[in-house]
């Protein structure tokens, strides 16, 4: 048996819901973030601050790096995204789309799954 959701929210991180139960159900969900790999950014962050960066620091670095590289390639973010396609860095993927009503948004995500008490990325 497997359990899937398209909206992993705080209810799944509650103390009442056991990680063991989620693991037994192979709980699977989409996420914009995965655990960051050991990159030069993480090593530099540890040297400077003495600790591992949290997901927000990694996201900030990855997003800034992605935007700068795409805008250096072409001075139009949507055009650069179409030409380059999906990009991936320490712990995040990016594929920008433009919504004329509200601006840019990221379409890229990971599929994550609880497996033997660990959260891992589902690979194709």
PDB file of N, CA and C in Angstrom:
ATOM      1  N   UNK A   1       0.837  -1.156   0.000  1.00  0.00           N
ATOM      2  CA  UNK A   1       0.000   0.000   0.000  1.00  0.00           C
ATOM      3  C   UNK A   1       0.892   1.232   0.000  1.00  0.00           C
ATOM      4  N   UNK A   2       0.475   2.248  -0.762  1.00  0.00           N
ATOM      5  CA  UNK A   2       1.202   3.511  -0.814  1.00  0.00           C
ATOM      6  C   UNK A   2       0.233   4.655  -0.576  1.00  0.00           C
ATOM      7  N   UNK A   3       0.762   5.727   0.011  1.00  0.00           N
ATOM      8  CA  UNK A   3      -0.040   6.921   0.234  1.00  0.00           C
ATOM      9  C   UNK A   3       0.611   8.078  -0.511  1.00  0.00           C
ATOM     10  N   UNK A   4      -0.196   8.794  -1.298  1.00  0.00           N
ATOM     11  CA  UNK A   4       0.276   9.917  -2.089  1.00  0.00           C
ATOM     12  C   UNK A   4      -0.488  11.180  -1.703  1.00  0.00           C
ATOM     13  N   UNK A   5       0.167  12.321  -1.843  1.00  0.00           N
ATOM     14  CA  UNK A   5      -0.507  13.609  -1.704  1.00  0.00           C
ATOM     15  C   UNK A   5       0.139  14.597  -2.659  1.00  0.00           C
ATOM     16  N   UNK A   6      -0.617  15.580  -3.066  1.00  0.00           N
ATOM     17  CA  UNK A   6      -0.057  16.677  -3.853  1.00  0.00           C
ATOM     18  C   UNK A   6       0.112  17.914  -2.985  1.00  0.00           C
ATOM     19  N   UNK A   7      -0.269  17.800  -1.706  1.00  0.00           N
ATOM     20  CA  UNK A   7      -0.192  18.930  -0.794  1.00  0.00           C
ATOM     21  C   UNK A   7       0.347  18.482   0.565  1.00  0.00           C
ATOM     22  N   UNK A   8       1.660  18.324   0.669  1.00  0.00           N
ATOM     23  CA  UNK A   8       2.260  17.969   1.961  1.00  0.00           C
ATOM     24  C   UNK A   8       2.317  19.238   2.791  1.00  0.00           C
ATOM     25  N   UNK A   9       1.542  19.262   3.865  1.00  0.00           N
ATOM     26  CA  UNK A   9       1.488  20.446   4.716  1.00  0.00           C
ATOM     27  C   UNK A   9       1.902  20.092   6.138  1.00  0.00           C
ATOM     28  N   UNK A  10       1.720  21.015   7.057  1.00  0.00           N
ATOM     29  CA  UNK A  10       2.160  20.829   8.443  1.00  0.00           C
ATOM     30  C   UNK A  10       1.459  19.668   9.133  1.00  0.00           C
ATOM     31  N   UNK A  11       0.306  19.262   8.652  1.00  0.00           N
ATOM     32  CA  UNK A  11      -0.417  18.149   9.273  1.00  0.00           C
ATOM     33  C   UNK A  11       0.412  16.864   9.238  1.00  0.00           C
ATOM     34  N   UNK A  12       1.216  16.689   8.212  1.00  0.00           N
ATOM     35  CA  UNK A  12       2.036  15.481   8.092  1.00  0.00           C
ATOM     36  C   UNK A  12       3.284  15.542   8.981  1.00  0.00           C
ATOM     37  N   UNK A  13       3.625  16.725   9.466  1.00  0.00           N
ATOM     38  CA  UNK A  13       4.782  16.887  10.347  1.00  0.00           C
ATOM     39  C   UNK A  13       4.373  16.923  11.811  1.00  0.00           C
ATOM     40  N   UNK A  14       3.154  16.544  12.107  1.00  0.00           N
ATOM     41  CA  UNK A  14       2.609  16.558  13.457  1.00  0.00           C
ATOM     42  C   UNK A  14       3.149  15.385  14.263  1.00  0.00           C
ATOM     43  N   UNK A  15       3.282  15.548  15.579  1.00  0.00           N
ATOM     44  CA  UNK A  15       3.759  14.470  16.459  1.00  0.00           C
ATOM     45  C   UNK A  15       2.804  13.280  16.484  1.00  0.00           C
ATOM     46  N   UNK A  16       1.537  13.509  16.179  1.00  0.00           N
ATOM     47  CA  UNK A  16       0.542  12.444  16.199  1.00  0.00           C
ATOM     48  C   UNK A  16       0.777  11.454  15.049  1.00  0.00           C
ATOM     49  N   UNK A  17       1.289  11.961  13.937  1.00  0.00           N
ATOM     50  CA  UNK A  17       1.553  11.108  12.779  1.00  0.00           C
ATOM     51  C   UNK A  17       2.996  10.641  12.842  1.00  0.00           C
ATOM     52  N   UNK A  18       3.177   9.370  12.951  1.00  0.00           N
ATOM     53  CA  UNK A  18       4.497   8.776  13.119  1.00  0.00           C
ATOM     54  C   UNK A  18       5.248   8.695  11.785  1.00  0.00           C
ATOM     55  N   UNK A  19       6.525   9.017  11.843  1.00  0.00           N
ATOM     56  CA  UNK A  19       7.376   8.831  10.664  1.00  0.00           C
ATOM     57  C   UNK A  19       7.431   7.372  10.252  1.00  0.00           C
ATOM     58  N   UNK A  20       7.341   6.477  11.227  1.00  0.00           N
ATOM     59  CA  UNK A  20       7.336   5.037  10.926  1.00  0.00           C
ATOM     60  C   UNK A  20       6.097   4.666  10.122  1.00  0.00           C
ATOM     61  N   UNK A  21       4.941   5.250  10.473  1.00  0.00           N
ATOM     62  CA  UNK A  21       3.715   4.968   9.719  1.00  0.00           C
ATOM     63  C   UNK A  21       3.828   5.486   8.289  1.00  0.00           C
ATOM     64  N   UNK A  22       4.347   6.713   8.154  1.00  0.00           N
ATOM     65  CA  UNK A  22       4.521   7.273   6.813  1.00  0.00           C
ATOM     66  C   UNK A  22       5.489   6.425   5.992  1.00  0.00           C
ATOM     67  N   UNK A  23       6.528   5.932   6.646  1.00  0.00           N
ATOM     68  CA  UNK A  23       7.495   5.078   5.964  1.00  0.00           C
ATOM     69  C   UNK A  23       6.859   3.754   5.552  1.00  0.00           C
ATOM     70  N   UNK A  24       6.048   3.168   6.435  1.00  0.00           N
ATOM     71  CA  UNK A  24       5.365   1.910   6.099  1.00  0.00           C
ATOM     72  C   UNK A  24       4.405   2.072   4.930  1.00  0.00           C
ATOM     73  N   UNK A  25       3.870   3.283   4.768  1.00  0.00           N
ATOM     74  CA  UNK A  25       2.948   3.563   3.669  1.00  0.00           C
ATOM     75  C   UNK A  25       3.669   4.065   2.415  1.00  0.00           C
ATOM     76  N   UNK A  26       5.001   4.145   2.468  1.00  0.00           N
ATOM     77  CA  UNK A  26       5.780   4.730   1.367  1.00  0.00           C
ATOM     78  C   UNK A  26       5.195   6.074   0.946  1.00  0.00           C
ATOM     79  N   UNK A  27       4.947   6.910   1.925  1.00  0.00           N
ATOM     80  CA  UNK A  27       4.338   8.215   1.703  1.00  0.00           C
ATOM     81  C   UNK A  27       5.126   8.984   0.653  1.00  0.00           C
ATOM     82  N   UNK A  28       4.430   9.441  -0.399  1.00  0.00           N
ATOM     83  CA  UNK A  28       5.066  10.092  -1.542  1.00  0.00           C
ATOM     84  C   UNK A  28       4.403  11.449  -1.774  1.00  0.00           C
ATOM     85  N   UNK A  29       5.230  12.458  -2.047  1.00  0.00           N
ATOM     86  CA  UNK A  29       4.711  13.818  -2.199  1.00  0.00           C
ATOM     87  C   UNK A  29       5.673  14.656  -3.051  1.00  0.00           C
ATOM     88  N   UNK A  30       5.166  15.735  -3.688  1.00  0.00           N
ATOM     89  CA  UNK A  30       6.051  16.647  -4.423  1.00  0.00           C
ATOM     90  C   UNK A  30       6.685  17.659  -3.471  1.00  0.00           C
ATOM     91  N   UNK A  31       7.876  18.101  -3.799  1.00  0.00           N
ATOM     92  CA  UNK A  31       8.574  19.084  -2.981  1.00  0.00           C
ATOM     93  C   UNK A  31       9.464  19.948  -3.858  1.00  0.00           C
ATOM     94  N   UNK A  32       9.562  21.217  -3.527  1.00  0.00           N
ATOM     95  CA  UNK A  32      10.476  22.100  -4.266  1.00  0.00           C
ATOM     96  C   UNK A  32      11.890  21.978  -3.728  1.00  0.00           C
ATOM     97  N   UNK A  33      12.064  21.250  -2.632  1.00  0.00           N
ATOM     98  CA  UNK A  33      13.355  21.156  -1.952  1.00  0.00           C
ATOM     99  C   UNK A  33      13.705  19.694  -1.691  1.00  0.00           C
ATOM    100  N   UNK A  34      14.978  19.401  -1.779  1.00  0.00           N
ATOM    101  CA  UNK A  34      15.492  18.112  -1.318  1.00  0.00           C
ATOM    102  C   UNK A  34      16.708  18.397  -0.458  1.00  0.00           C
ATOM    103  N   UNK A  35      17.157  17.407   0.267  1.00  0.00           N
ATOM    104  CA  UNK A  35      18.335  17.620   1.108  1.00  0.00           C
ATOM    105  C   UNK A  35      19.509  18.016   0.226  1.00  0.00           C
ATOM    106  N   UNK A  36      20.181  19.068   0.627  1.00  0.00           N
ATOM    107  CA  UNK A  36      21.279  19.614  -0.182  1.00  0.00           C
ATOM    108  C   UNK A  36      22.456  18.649  -0.213  1.00  0.00           C
ATOM    109  N   UNK A  37      23.077  18.571  -1.369  1.00  0.00           N
ATOM    110  CA  UNK A  37      24.272  17.756  -1.521  1.00  0.00           C
ATOM    111  C   UNK A  37      25.482  18.533  -1.026  1.00  0.00           C
ATOM    112  N   UNK A  38      26.591  17.881  -0.882  1.00  0.00           N
ATOM    113  CA  UNK A  38      27.801  18.500  -0.335  1.00  0.00           C
ATOM    114  C   UNK A  38      28.519  19.286  -1.433  1.00  0.00           C
ATOM    115  N   UNK A  39      28.140  20.540  -1.598  1.00  0.00           N
ATOM    116  CA  UNK A  39      28.700  21.388  -2.643  1.00  0.00           C
ATOM    117  C   UNK A  39      29.679  22.399  -2.061  1.00  0.00           C
ATOM    118  N   UNK A  40      30.301  23.162  -2.931  1.00  0.00           N
ATOM    119  CA  UNK A  40      31.237  24.187  -2.465  1.00  0.00           C
ATOM    120  C   UNK A  40      30.517  25.252  -1.645  1.00  0.00           C
ATOM    121  N   UNK A  41      29.253  25.548  -1.960  1.00  0.00           N
ATOM    122  CA  UNK A  41      28.494  26.509  -1.159  1.00  0.00           C
ATOM    123  C   UNK A  41      28.344  26.016   0.280  1.00  0.00           C
ATOM    124  N   UNK A  42      27.999  24.755   0.447  1.00  0.00           N
ATOM    125  CA  UNK A  42      27.798  24.195   1.789  1.00  0.00           C
ATOM    126  C   UNK A  42      29.118  24.175   2.556  1.00  0.00           C
ATOM    127  N   UNK A  43      30.201  23.811   1.890  1.00  0.00           N
ATOM    128  CA  UNK A  43      31.515  23.809   2.540  1.00  0.00           C
ATOM    129  C   UNK A  43      31.916  25.227   2.965  1.00  0.00           C
ATOM    130  N   UNK A  44      31.704  26.204   2.094  1.00  0.00           N
ATOM    131  CA  UNK A  44      32.029  27.599   2.421  1.00  0.00           C
ATOM    132  C   UNK A  44      31.166  28.108   3.565  1.00  0.00           C
ATOM    133  N   UNK A  45      29.888  27.746   3.549  1.00  0.00           N
ATOM    134  CA  UNK A  45      28.966  28.162   4.613  1.00  0.00           C
ATOM    135  C   UNK A  45      29.409  27.597   5.965  1.00  0.00           C
ATOM    136  N   UNK A  46      29.790  26.314   5.971  1.00  0.00           N
ATOM    137  CA  UNK A  46      30.259  25.690   7.222  1.00  0.00           C
ATOM    138  C   UNK A  46      31.517  26.372   7.745  1.00  0.00           C
ATOM    139  N   UNK A  47      32.461  26.683   6.841  1.00  0.00           N
ATOM    140  CA  UNK A  47      33.691  27.354   7.251  1.00  0.00           C
ATOM    141  C   UNK A  47      33.390  28.734   7.844  1.00  0.00           C
ATOM    142  N   UNK A  48      32.485  29.455   7.224  1.00  0.00           N
ATOM    143  CA  UNK A  48      32.201  30.824   7.656  1.00  0.00           C
ATOM    144  C   UNK A  48      31.327  30.886   8.904  1.00  0.00           C
ATOM    145  N   UNK A  49      30.283  30.040   8.976  1.00  0.00           N
ATOM    146  CA  UNK A  49      29.321  30.137  10.069  1.00  0.00           C
ATOM    147  C   UNK A  49      29.399  28.986  11.065  1.00  0.00           C
ATOM    148  N   UNK A  50      30.195  27.964  10.786  1.00  0.00           N
ATOM    149  CA  UNK A  50      30.383  26.869  11.721  1.00  0.00           C
ATOM    150  C   UNK A  50      29.235  25.889  11.807  1.00  0.00           C
ATOM    151  N   UNK A  51      28.316  25.937  10.854  1.00  0.00           N
ATOM    152  CA  UNK A  51      27.163  25.038  10.871  1.00  0.00           C
ATOM    153  C   UNK A  51      26.680  24.797   9.444  1.00  0.00           C
ATOM    154  N   UNK A  52      25.864  23.791   9.284  1.00  0.00           N
ATOM    155  CA  UNK A  52      25.292  23.475   7.971  1.00  0.00           C
ATOM    156  C   UNK A  52      24.169  24.468   7.660  1.00  0.00           C
ATOM    157  N   UNK A  53      24.071  24.951   6.421  1.00  0.00           N
ATOM    158  CA  UNK A  53      23.001  25.898   6.087  1.00  0.00           C
ATOM    159  C   UNK A  53      21.631  25.230   6.142  1.00  0.00           C
ATOM    160  N   UNK A  54      20.615  25.987   6.559  1.00  0.00           N
ATOM    161  CA  UNK A  54      19.259  25.445   6.534  1.00  0.00           C
ATOM    162  C   UNK A  54      18.702  25.533   5.119  1.00  0.00           C
ATOM    163  N   UNK A  55      17.510  25.000   4.939  1.00  0.00           N
ATOM    164  CA  UNK A  55      16.933  24.928   3.598  1.00  0.00           C
ATOM    165  C   UNK A  55      16.700  26.303   2.987  1.00  0.00           C
ATOM    166  N   UNK A  56      16.486  27.319   3.825  1.00  0.00           N
ATOM    167  CA  UNK A  56      16.238  28.674   3.311  1.00  0.00           C
ATOM    168  C   UNK A  56      17.519  29.323   2.799  1.00  0.00           C
ATOM    169  N   UNK A  57      18.625  29.091   3.472  1.00  0.00           N
ATOM    170  CA  UNK A  57      19.913  29.603   3.001  1.00  0.00           C
ATOM    171  C   UNK A  57      20.292  28.925   1.681  1.00  0.00           C
ATOM    172  N   UNK A  58      20.077  27.619   1.592  1.00  0.00           N
ATOM    173  CA  UNK A  58      20.380  26.887   0.356  1.00  0.00           C
ATOM    174  C   UNK A  58      19.487  27.385  -0.776  1.00  0.00           C
ATOM    175  N   UNK A  59      18.206  27.558  -0.491  1.00  0.00           N
ATOM    176  CA  UNK A  59      17.271  28.043  -1.519  1.00  0.00           C
ATOM    177  C   UNK A  59      17.662  29.434  -1.988  1.00  0.00           C
ATOM    178  N   UNK A  60      18.005  30.310  -1.059  1.00  0.00           N
ATOM    179  CA  UNK A  60      18.423  31.663  -1.428  1.00  0.00           C
ATOM    180  C   UNK A  60      19.652  31.659  -2.313  1.00  0.00           C
ATOM    181  N   UNK A  61      20.641  30.832  -1.957  1.00  0.00           N
ATOM    182  CA  UNK A  61      21.849  30.743  -2.773  1.00  0.00           C
ATOM    183  C   UNK A  61      21.526  30.170  -4.152  1.00  0.00           C
ATOM    184  N   UNK A  62      20.795  29.053  -4.183  1.00  0.00           N
ATOM    185  CA  UNK A  62      20.474  28.400  -5.459  1.00  0.00           C
ATOM    186  C   UNK A  62      19.680  29.324  -6.380  1.00  0.00           C
ATOM    187  N   UNK A  63      18.698  30.032  -5.825  1.00  0.00           N
ATOM    188  CA  UNK A  63      17.861  30.906  -6.641  1.00  0.00           C
ATOM    189  C   UNK A  63      18.672  32.080  -7.196  1.00  0.00           C
ATOM    190  N   UNK A  64      19.493  32.692  -6.348  1.00  0.00           N
ATOM    191  CA  UNK A  64      20.324  33.806  -6.796  1.00  0.00           C
ATOM    192  C   UNK A  64      21.292  33.355  -7.880  1.00  0.00           C
ATOM    193  N   UNK A  65      21.932  32.223  -7.656  1.00  0.00           N
ATOM    194  CA  UNK A  65      22.882  31.668  -8.624  1.00  0.00           C
ATOM    195  C   UNK A  65      22.184  31.375  -9.957  1.00  0.00           C
ATOM    196  N   UNK A  66      21.006  30.769  -9.895  1.00  0.00           N
ATOM    197  CA  UNK A  66      20.254  30.441 -11.104  1.00  0.00           C
ATOM    198  C   UNK A  66      19.852  31.694 -11.874  1.00  0.00           C
ATOM    199  N   UNK A  67      19.320  32.682 -11.160  1.00  0.00           N
ATOM    200  CA  UNK A  67      18.904  33.917 -11.824  1.00  0.00           C
ATOM    201  C   UNK A  67      20.081  34.635 -12.473  1.00  0.00           C
ATOM    202  N   UNK A  68      21.202  34.718 -11.763  1.00  0.00           N
ATOM    203  CA  UNK A  68      22.377  35.395 -12.325  1.00  0.00           C
ATOM    204  C   UNK A  68      22.907  34.675 -13.564  1.00  0.00           C
ATOM    205  N   UNK A  69      22.976  33.336 -13.504  1.00  0.00           N
ATOM    206  CA  UNK A  69      23.465  32.594 -14.663  1.00  0.00           C
ATOM    207  C   UNK A  69      22.530  32.727 -15.862  1.00  0.00           C
ATOM    208  N   UNK A  70      21.227  32.643 -15.625  1.00  0.00           N
ATOM    209  CA  UNK A  70      20.272  32.757 -16.737  1.00  0.00           C
ATOM    210  C   UNK A  70      20.251  34.163 -17.316  1.00  0.00           C
ATOM    211  N   UNK A  71      20.319  35.175 -16.462  1.00  0.00           N
ATOM    212  CA  UNK A  71      20.314  36.544 -16.972  1.00  0.00           C
ATOM    213  C   UNK A  71      21.639  36.907 -17.648  1.00  0.00           C
ATOM    214  N   UNK A  72      22.733  36.267 -17.255  1.00  0.00           N
ATOM    215  CA  UNK A  72      24.006  36.472 -17.952  1.00  0.00           C
ATOM    216  C   UNK A  72      23.964  35.824 -19.328  1.00  0.00           C
ATOM    217  N   UNK A  73      23.223  34.745 -19.448  1.00  0.00           N
ATOM    218  CA  UNK A  73      23.092  34.034 -20.730  1.00  0.00           C
ATOM    219  C   UNK A  73      22.214  34.814 -21.697  1.00  0.00           C
ATOM    220  N   UNK A  74      21.111  35.310 -21.197  1.00  0.00           N
ATOM    221  CA  UNK A  74      20.175  36.082 -22.014  1.00  0.00           C
ATOM    222  C   UNK A  74      19.462  37.050 -21.087  1.00  0.00           C
ATOM    223  N   UNK A  75      19.299  38.290 -21.493  1.00  0.00           N
ATOM    224  CA  UNK A  75      18.747  39.316 -20.614  1.00  0.00           C
ATOM    225  C   UNK A  75      17.227  39.243 -20.489  1.00  0.00           C
ATOM    226  N   UNK A  76      16.668  38.076 -20.696  1.00  0.00           N
ATOM    227  CA  UNK A  76      15.234  37.851 -20.556  1.00  0.00           C
ATOM    228  C   UNK A  76      15.064  36.504 -19.857  1.00  0.00           C
ATOM    229  N   UNK A  77      14.555  36.528 -18.645  1.00  0.00           N
ATOM    230  CA  UNK A  77      14.489  35.320 -17.824  1.00  0.00           C
ATOM    231  C   UNK A  77      13.660  34.209 -18.473  1.00  0.00           C
ATOM    232  N   UNK A  78      12.504  34.546 -19.015  1.00  0.00           N
ATOM    233  CA  UNK A  78      11.644  33.525 -19.615  1.00  0.00           C
ATOM    234  C   UNK A  78      12.295  32.942 -20.860  1.00  0.00           C
ATOM    235  N   UNK A  79      12.884  33.789 -21.668  1.00  0.00           N
ATOM    236  CA  UNK A  79      13.573  33.308 -22.877  1.00  0.00           C
ATOM    237  C   UNK A  79      14.757  32.411 -22.510  1.00  0.00           C
ATOM    238  N   UNK A  80      15.532  32.823 -21.514  1.00  0.00           N
ATOM    239  CA  UNK A  80      16.658  32.007 -21.056  1.00  0.00           C
ATOM    240  C   UNK A  80      16.164  30.681 -20.499  1.00  0.00           C
ATOM    241  N   UNK A  81      15.079  30.691 -19.739  1.00  0.00           N
ATOM    242  CA  UNK A  81      14.524  29.449 -19.185  1.00  0.00           C
ATOM    243  C   UNK A  81      14.065  28.506 -20.282  1.00  0.00           C
ATOM    244  N   UNK A  82      13.455  29.057 -21.317  1.00  0.00           N
ATOM    245  CA  UNK A  82      13.023  28.203 -22.440  1.00  0.00           C
ATOM    246  C   UNK A  82      14.213  27.575 -23.155  1.00  0.00           C
ATOM    247  N   UNK A  83      15.260  28.353 -23.354  1.00  0.00           N
ATOM    248  CA  UNK A  83      16.439  27.840 -24.062  1.00  0.00           C
ATOM    249  C   UNK A  83      17.224  26.830 -23.228  1.00  0.00           C
ATOM    250  N   UNK A  84      17.406  27.121 -21.958  1.00  0.00           N
ATOM    251  CA  UNK A  84      18.215  26.271 -21.079  1.00  0.00           C
ATOM    252  C   UNK A  84      17.415  25.108 -20.532  1.00  0.00           C
ATOM    253  N   UNK A  85      16.151  25.357 -20.208  1.00  0.00           N
ATOM    254  CA  UNK A  85      15.314  24.315 -19.615  1.00  0.00           C
ATOM    255  C   UNK A  85      15.483  24.280 -18.108  1.00  0.00           C
ATOM    256  N   UNK A  86      15.173  23.148 -17.534  1.00  0.00           N
ATOM    257  CA  UNK A  86      15.231  22.986 -16.083  1.00  0.00           C
ATOM    258  C   UNK A  86      16.682  22.962 -15.603  1.00  0.00           C
ATOM    259  N   UNK A  87      16.940  23.689 -14.513  1.00  0.00           N
ATOM    260  CA  UNK A  87      18.271  23.708 -13.910  1.00  0.00           C
ATOM    261  C   UNK A  87      18.175  23.175 -12.488  1.00  0.00           C
ATOM    262  N   UNK A  88      19.280  22.634 -11.990  1.00  0.00           N
ATOM    263  CA  UNK A  88      19.298  22.043 -10.653  1.00  0.00           C
ATOM    264  C   UNK A  88      20.624  22.360  -9.982  1.00  0.00           C
ATOM    265  N   UNK A  89      20.554  22.709  -8.700  1.00  0.00           N
ATOM    266  CA  UNK A  89      21.746  23.082  -7.953  1.00  0.00           C
ATOM    267  C   UNK A  89      21.830  22.266  -6.669  1.00  0.00           C
ATOM    268  N   UNK A  90      22.253  22.864  -5.563  1.00  0.00           N
ATOM    269  CA  UNK A  90      22.487  22.138  -4.311  1.00  0.00           C
ATOM    270  C   UNK A  90      21.267  21.377  -3.808  1.00  0.00           C
ATOM    271  N   UNK A  91      20.133  22.044  -3.717  1.00  0.00           N
ATOM    272  CA  UNK A  91      18.948  21.389  -3.174  1.00  0.00           C
ATOM    273  C   UNK A  91      17.662  21.822  -3.833  1.00  0.00           C
ATOM    274  N   UNK A  92      17.757  22.473  -5.002  1.00  0.00           N
ATOM    275  CA  UNK A  92      16.576  23.031  -5.659  1.00  0.00           C
ATOM    276  C   UNK A  92      16.655  22.892  -7.165  1.00  0.00           C
ATOM    277  N   UNK A  93      15.483  22.808  -7.792  1.00  0.00           N
ATOM    278  CA  UNK A  93      15.344  22.814  -9.242  1.00  0.00           C
ATOM    279  C   UNK A  93      14.590  24.076  -9.635  1.00  0.00           C
ATOM    280  N   UNK A  94      14.833  24.552 -10.850  1.00  0.00           N
ATOM    281  CA  UNK A  94      14.146  25.745 -11.325  1.00  0.00           C
ATOM    282  C   UNK A  94      13.725  25.588 -12.775  1.00  0.00           C
ATOM    283  N   UNK A  95      12.504  25.986 -13.046  1.00  0.00           N
ATOM    284  CA  UNK A  95      11.977  26.092 -14.401  1.00  0.00           C
ATOM    285  C   UNK A  95      10.909  27.180 -14.342  1.00  0.00           C
ATOM    286  N   UNK A  96      11.290  28.397 -14.702  1.00  0.00           N
ATOM    287  CA  UNK A  96      10.407  29.540 -14.535  1.00  0.00           C
ATOM    288  C   UNK A  96       9.373  29.620 -15.650  1.00  0.00           C
ATOM    289  N   UNK A  97       8.167  29.975 -15.259  1.00  0.00           N
ATOM    290  CA  UNK A  97       7.068  30.260 -16.172  1.00  0.00           C
ATOM    291  C   UNK A  97       6.578  31.659 -15.825  1.00  0.00           C
ATOM    292  N   UNK A  98       5.955  32.318 -16.793  1.00  0.00           N
ATOM    293  CA  UNK A  98       5.426  33.655 -16.533  1.00  0.00           C
ATOM    294  C   UNK A  98       3.910  33.589 -16.502  1.00  0.00           C
ATOM    295  N   UNK A  99       3.354  34.137 -15.428  1.00  0.00           N
ATOM    296  CA  UNK A  99       1.913  34.298 -15.297  1.00  0.00           C
ATOM    297  C   UNK A  99       1.682  35.798 -15.380  1.00  0.00           C
ATOM    298  N   UNK A 100       0.979  36.224 -16.403  1.00  0.00           N
ATOM    299  CA  UNK A 100       0.844  37.669 -16.638  1.00  0.00           C
ATOM    300  C   UNK A 100       0.113  38.380 -15.503  1.00  0.00           C
ATOM    301  N   UNK A 101      -0.679  37.671 -14.730  1.00  0.00           N
ATOM    302  CA  UNK A 101      -1.405  38.298 -13.628  1.00  0.00           C
ATOM    303  C   UNK A 101      -0.526  38.488 -12.390  1.00  0.00           C
ATOM    304  N   UNK A 102       0.407  37.529 -12.146  1.00  0.00           N
ATOM    305  CA  UNK A 102       1.137  37.604 -10.878  1.00  0.00           C
ATOM    306  C   UNK A 102       2.657  37.542 -11.001  1.00  0.00           C
ATOM    307  N   UNK A 103       3.218  37.448 -12.177  1.00  0.00           N
ATOM    308  CA  UNK A 103       4.673  37.446 -12.328  1.00  0.00           C
ATOM    309  C   UNK A 103       5.234  36.082 -12.669  1.00  0.00           C
ATOM    310  N   UNK A 104       6.423  35.785 -12.180  1.00  0.00           N
ATOM    311  CA  UNK A 104       7.115  34.538 -12.459  1.00  0.00           C
ATOM    312  C   UNK A 104       6.837  33.503 -11.376  1.00  0.00           C
ATOM    313  N   UNK A 105       6.815  32.239 -11.747  1.00  0.00           N
ATOM    314  CA  UNK A 105       6.722  31.176 -10.760  1.00  0.00           C
ATOM    315  C   UNK A 105       7.524  29.976 -11.223  1.00  0.00           C
ATOM    316  N   UNK A 106       7.932  29.162 -10.274  1.00  0.00           N
ATOM    317  CA  UNK A 106       8.790  28.015 -10.537  1.00  0.00           C
ATOM    318  C   UNK A 106       7.926  26.761 -10.724  1.00  0.00           C
ATOM    319  N   UNK A 107       8.096  26.083 -11.832  1.00  0.00           N
ATOM    320  CA  UNK A 107       7.329  24.877 -12.144  1.00  0.00           C
ATOM    321  C   UNK A 107       8.048  23.587 -11.746  1.00  0.00           C
ATOM    322  N   UNK A 108       9.320  23.649 -11.421  1.00  0.00           N
ATOM    323  CA  UNK A 108      10.111  22.446 -11.161  1.00  0.00           C
ATOM    324  C   UNK A 108       9.893  21.931  -9.740  1.00  0.00           C
ATOM    325  N   UNK A 109       9.931  20.617  -9.584  1.00  0.00           N
ATOM    326  CA  UNK A 109       9.816  20.027  -8.243  1.00  0.00           C
ATOM    327  C   UNK A 109      10.420  18.631  -8.243  1.00  0.00           C
ATOM    328  N   UNK A 110      10.612  18.114  -7.053  1.00  0.00           N
ATOM    329  CA  UNK A 110      11.095  16.751  -6.846  1.00  0.00           C
ATOM    330  C   UNK A 110       9.921  15.894  -6.387  1.00  0.00           C
ATOM    331  N   UNK A 111      10.000  14.610  -6.617  1.00  0.00           N
ATOM    332  CA  UNK A 111       9.069  13.660  -6.034  1.00  0.00           C
ATOM    333  C   UNK A 111       9.835  12.977  -4.904  1.00  0.00           C
ATOM    334  N   UNK A 112       9.333  13.141  -3.678  1.00  0.00           N
ATOM    335  CA  UNK A 112       9.995  12.613  -2.491  1.00  0.00           C
ATOM    336  C   UNK A 112       9.165  11.475  -1.902  1.00  0.00           C
ATOM    337  N   UNK A 113       9.841  10.541  -1.206  1.00  0.00           N
ATOM    338  CA  UNK A 113       9.150   9.396  -0.635  1.00  0.00           C
ATOM    339  C   UNK A 113       9.810   8.976   0.667  1.00  0.00           C
ATOM    340  N   UNK A 114       8.999   8.634   1.655  1.00  0.00           N
ATOM    341  CA  UNK A 114       9.504   8.029   2.883  1.00  0.00           C
ATOM    342  C   UNK A 114       9.809   6.568   2.574  1.00  0.00           C
ATOM    343  N   UNK A 115      11.024   6.143   2.862  1.00  0.00           N
ATOM    344  CA  UNK A 115      11.427   4.766   2.613  1.00  0.00           C
ATOM    345  C   UNK A 115      12.375   4.331   3.727  1.00  0.00           C
ATOM    346  N   UNK A 116      11.983   3.343   4.493  1.00  0.00           N
ATOM    347  CA  UNK A 116      12.770   2.822   5.605  1.00  0.00           C
ATOM    348  C   UNK A 116      13.232   3.949   6.534  1.00  0.00           C
ATOM    349  N   UNK A 117      12.266   4.768   6.934  1.00  0.00           N
ATOM    350  CA  UNK A 117      12.461   5.862   7.890  1.00  0.00           C
ATOM    351  C   UNK A 117      13.343   7.000   7.363  1.00  0.00           C
ATOM    352  N   UNK A 118      13.547   7.064   6.072  1.00  0.00           N
ATOM    353  CA  UNK A 118      14.303   8.155   5.453  1.00  0.00           C
ATOM    354  C   UNK A 118      13.491   8.756   4.327  1.00  0.00           C
ATOM    355  N   UNK A 119      13.679  10.041   4.119  1.00  0.00           N
ATOM    356  CA  UNK A 119      13.056  10.698   2.980  1.00  0.00           C
ATOM    357  C   UNK A 119      14.072  10.690   1.855  1.00  0.00           C
ATOM    358  N   UNK A 120      13.660  10.166   0.699  1.00  0.00           N
ATOM    359  CA  UNK A 120      14.581  10.110  -0.438  1.00  0.00           C
ATOM    360  C   UNK A 120      13.868  10.592  -1.690  1.00  0.00           C
ATOM    361  N   UNK A 121      14.645  11.020  -2.651  1.00  0.00           N
ATOM    362  CA  UNK A 121      14.108  11.468  -3.933  1.00  0.00           C
ATOM    363  C   UNK A 121      13.787  10.239  -4.778  1.00  0.00           C
ATOM    364  N   UNK A 122      12.614  10.262  -5.411  1.00  0.00           N
ATOM    365  CA  UNK A 122      12.238   9.192  -6.318  1.00  0.00           C
ATOM    366  C   UNK A 122      12.883   9.508  -7.670  1.00  0.00           C
ATOM    367  N   UNK A 123      13.724   8.608  -8.111  1.00  0.00           N
ATOM    368  CA  UNK A 123      14.399   8.776  -9.413  1.00  0.00           C
ATOM    369  C   UNK A 123      13.601   8.038 -10.471  1.00  0.00           C
ATOM    370  N   UNK A 124      13.729   8.472 -11.691  1.00  0.00           N
ATOM    371  CA  UNK A 124      13.022   7.805 -12.784  1.00  0.00           C
ATOM    372  C   UNK A 124      13.502   6.410 -13.010  1.00  0.00           C
TER     373      UNK A 124
END
